[in-house]
Amino acid sequence: MLLALHDTYSHVVAQIGNPAPEAPPAADKVMKVGRYFTWFTMLSGVTAITYGGGRFAWEKWSGGRVESPQMVAGAMIGGVTATSAGTIMNAIVGS
């Protein structure tokens, strides 16, 4: 009985074809939004690094007490994280 069931099952499974992959509906719009998000993330990372360096230079140039090394470090770490997130997401999604 098990051999007959196995034989019938293998004939039924053999009739099922391998479906071709196709993109889901509105996939192109989702990818476009993802690309915009990637660019925004990279731009925000570069902006954060530039702002952090500028703020640090301004405090050094003005001759006052350096009051924001934590803010500068946080801006740079946040910028690196944001820039890396965009690159990682681009690698995961693929082009």
Protein backbone atom coordinates (compact mmCIF):
# COMPACT_ATOMS: atom_id res chain seq x y z
CA MET A 1 0.00 0.00 0.00
CA LEU A 2 2.85 2.42 0.84
CA LEU A 3 4.59 1.57 -2.41
CA ALA A 4 1.42 2.32 -4.38
CA LEU A 5 0.98 5.63 -2.53
CA HIS A 6 4.61 6.54 -3.21
CA ASP A 7 4.23 5.68 -6.89
CA THR A 8 1.06 7.78 -7.22
CA TYR A 9 2.62 10.69 -5.30
CA SER A 10 5.73 10.73 -7.50
CA HIS A 11 3.58 10.82 -10.66
CA VAL A 12 1.50 13.72 -9.32
CA VAL A 13 4.54 15.71 -8.21
CA ALA A 14 6.21 15.11 -11.57
CA GLN A 15 3.30 16.91 -13.28
CA ILE A 16 3.84 20.12 -11.31
CA GLY A 17 6.12 22.49 -13.23
CA ASN A 18 8.71 24.81 -11.81
CA PRO A 19 7.13 28.28 -11.79
CA ALA A 20 9.12 31.15 -13.24
CA PRO A 21 9.87 33.92 -10.76
CA GLU A 22 8.16 37.21 -11.39
CA ALA A 23 8.13 40.51 -9.57
CA PRO A 24 5.17 41.26 -7.31
CA PRO A 25 2.80 44.08 -8.17
CA ALA A 26 4.20 47.58 -7.58
CA ALA A 27 7.70 46.21 -6.99
CA ASP A 28 9.24 48.94 -9.13
CA LYS A 29 7.71 51.66 -6.93
CA VAL A 30 8.96 49.97 -3.75
CA MET A 31 12.46 49.70 -5.21
CA LYS A 32 12.35 53.38 -6.20
CA VAL A 33 11.42 54.38 -2.62
CA GLY A 34 14.21 52.13 -1.34
CA ARG A 35 16.73 53.84 -3.60
CA TYR A 36 15.58 57.28 -2.41
CA PHE A 37 15.90 56.11 1.20
CA THR A 38 19.42 54.84 0.50
CA TRP A 39 20.47 58.17 -0.97
CA PHE A 40 18.89 60.08 1.91
CA THR A 41 20.69 57.88 4.43
CA MET A 42 24.06 58.36 2.74
CA LEU A 43 23.49 62.11 2.46
CA SER A 44 22.56 62.35 6.14
CA GLY A 45 25.70 60.42 7.08
CA VAL A 46 27.96 62.72 5.10
CA THR A 47 26.15 65.76 6.54
CA ALA A 48 26.57 64.50 10.11
CA ILE A 49 30.29 63.89 9.65
CA THR A 50 30.77 67.31 8.04
CA TYR A 51 28.79 69.06 10.78
CA GLY A 52 30.70 67.27 13.53
CA GLY A 53 34.06 68.22 12.05
CA GLY A 54 32.97 71.82 11.48
CA ARG A 55 31.67 72.18 15.03
CA PHE A 56 34.87 70.80 16.47
CA ALA A 57 36.99 73.13 14.32
CA TRP A 58 34.85 76.15 15.27
CA GLU A 59 35.29 75.51 18.98
CA LYS A 60 39.04 75.09 18.57
CA TRP A 61 39.31 78.24 16.43
CA SER A 62 37.23 80.41 18.74
CA GLY A 63 39.70 79.72 21.53
CA GLY A 64 37.05 78.85 24.07
CA ARG A 65 36.68 75.74 26.09
CA VAL A 66 35.91 72.66 24.02
CA GLU A 67 32.46 71.82 25.30
CA SER A 68 31.14 69.39 22.75
CA PRO A 69 33.53 66.48 22.20
CA GLN A 70 30.69 64.06 23.01
CA MET A 71 28.42 65.77 20.48
CA VAL A 72 31.16 65.64 17.84
CA ALA A 73 31.86 61.97 18.54
CA GLY A 74 28.14 61.20 18.52
CA ALA A 75 27.64 63.00 15.21
CA MET A 76 30.54 61.13 13.64
CA ILE A 77 29.43 57.76 14.98
CA GLY A 78 25.88 58.46 13.85
CA GLY A 79 27.12 59.51 10.43
CA VAL A 80 29.22 56.41 10.02
CA THR A 81 26.30 54.25 11.17
CA ALA A 82 23.87 55.94 8.80
CA THR A 83 26.26 55.69 5.87
CA SER A 84 26.97 52.04 6.64
CA ALA A 85 23.25 51.27 6.94
CA GLY A 86 22.64 52.58 3.43
CA THR A 87 25.48 50.52 2.03
CA ILE A 88 24.42 47.39 3.93
CA MET A 89 20.82 47.72 2.76
CA ASN A 90 21.99 48.21 -0.81
CA ALA A 91 24.07 45.03 -0.54
CA ILE A 92 21.17 43.07 0.95
CA VAL A 93 18.57 44.22 -1.56
CA GLY A 94 20.99 44.09 -4.47
CA SER A 95 21.03 46.15 -7.59
